């Protein structure tokens, strides 16, 4: 079972494609944050914005998106 549910994600995005792109980009940012944290450098990377028991970066990104912590807009 996928958590958060897809219908909660689609409330925040206008298509499945947009939700996937936003979550993938945020998961890469979380990966960079934890890598920099392990190396002892604190750069411009944003830490996780939700409390979750999961250690999977994509799951954390999806939960942030479902909670409304992440917004996106299309470039013109």
Protein backbone atom coordinates (compact mmCIF):
# COMPACT_ATOMS: atom_id res chain seq x y z
CA UNK A 1 0.00 0.00 0.00
CA UNK A 2 1.29 3.41 -0.96
CA UNK A 3 1.35 6.05 1.74
CA UNK A 4 0.35 8.79 1.31
CA UNK A 5 -2.51 7.81 -0.94
CA UNK A 6 -2.44 8.90 -4.56
CA UNK A 7 -5.72 10.81 -4.25
CA UNK A 8 -4.15 13.03 -1.55
CA UNK A 9 -1.26 13.75 -3.89
CA UNK A 10 -3.55 14.61 -6.78
CA UNK A 11 -5.31 17.18 -4.59
CA UNK A 12 -2.01 19.09 -4.59
CA UNK A 13 -1.00 18.45 -8.23
CA UNK A 14 -2.82 18.68 -11.51
CA UNK A 15 -1.44 15.40 -12.88
CA UNK A 16 0.42 12.26 -11.87
CA UNK A 17 3.38 13.48 -13.90
CA UNK A 18 3.67 16.72 -11.91
CA UNK A 19 3.47 14.85 -8.58
CA UNK A 20 6.22 12.46 -9.66
CA UNK A 21 8.49 15.28 -10.82
CA UNK A 22 8.05 17.29 -7.64
CA UNK A 23 8.61 14.28 -5.38
CA UNK A 24 11.67 13.10 -7.32
CA UNK A 25 13.29 16.53 -7.19
CA UNK A 26 12.63 16.83 -3.45
CA UNK A 27 13.97 13.30 -2.84
CA UNK A 28 17.23 14.30 -4.57
CA UNK A 29 17.41 17.39 -2.35
CA UNK A 30 16.93 15.23 0.76
CA UNK A 31 19.64 12.86 -0.44
CA UNK A 32 22.02 15.82 -0.85
CA UNK A 33 21.09 17.11 2.60
CA UNK A 34 21.87 13.81 4.34
CA UNK A 35 25.08 13.37 2.35
CA UNK A 36 26.27 16.87 3.33
CA UNK A 37 25.23 16.21 6.92
CA UNK A 38 27.35 13.03 6.97
CA UNK A 39 30.34 14.95 5.62
CA UNK A 40 29.97 17.61 8.28
CA UNK A 41 29.11 20.47 5.95
CA UNK A 42 25.90 22.43 6.33
CA UNK A 43 25.13 23.99 3.00
CA UNK A 44 21.92 25.29 1.45
CA UNK A 45 20.07 21.97 1.63
CA UNK A 46 16.70 21.99 3.42
CA UNK A 47 16.10 19.30 6.07
CA UNK A 48 12.91 17.21 6.07
CA UNK A 49 9.83 19.33 6.81
CA UNK A 50 7.65 16.54 8.28
CA UNK A 51 8.19 14.05 11.08
CA UNK A 52 8.10 10.53 9.72
CA UNK A 53 9.41 7.15 10.83
CA UNK A 54 10.49 6.37 7.27
CA UNK A 55 14.09 6.71 6.17
CA UNK A 56 13.24 6.51 2.49
CA UNK A 57 13.81 9.87 0.81
CA UNK A 58 11.04 9.41 -1.74
CA UNK A 59 8.52 8.55 0.98
CA UNK A 60 9.54 11.63 2.95
CA UNK A 61 9.16 13.76 -0.19
CA UNK A 62 5.71 12.34 -0.92
CA UNK A 63 4.58 12.98 2.67
CA UNK A 64 5.85 16.57 2.46
CA UNK A 65 3.97 17.07 -0.79
CA UNK A 66 0.75 15.58 0.60
CA UNK A 67 1.03 17.81 3.70
CA UNK A 68 1.28 20.91 1.51
CA UNK A 69 4.84 21.76 2.52
CA UNK A 70 6.01 21.76 -1.11
CA UNK A 71 4.59 23.96 -3.84
CA UNK A 72 5.45 24.08 -7.49
CA UNK A 73 4.72 26.12 -10.57
CA UNK A 74 5.38 25.61 -14.23
CA UNK A 75 7.94 27.75 -15.96
CA UNK A 76 6.64 29.69 -18.90
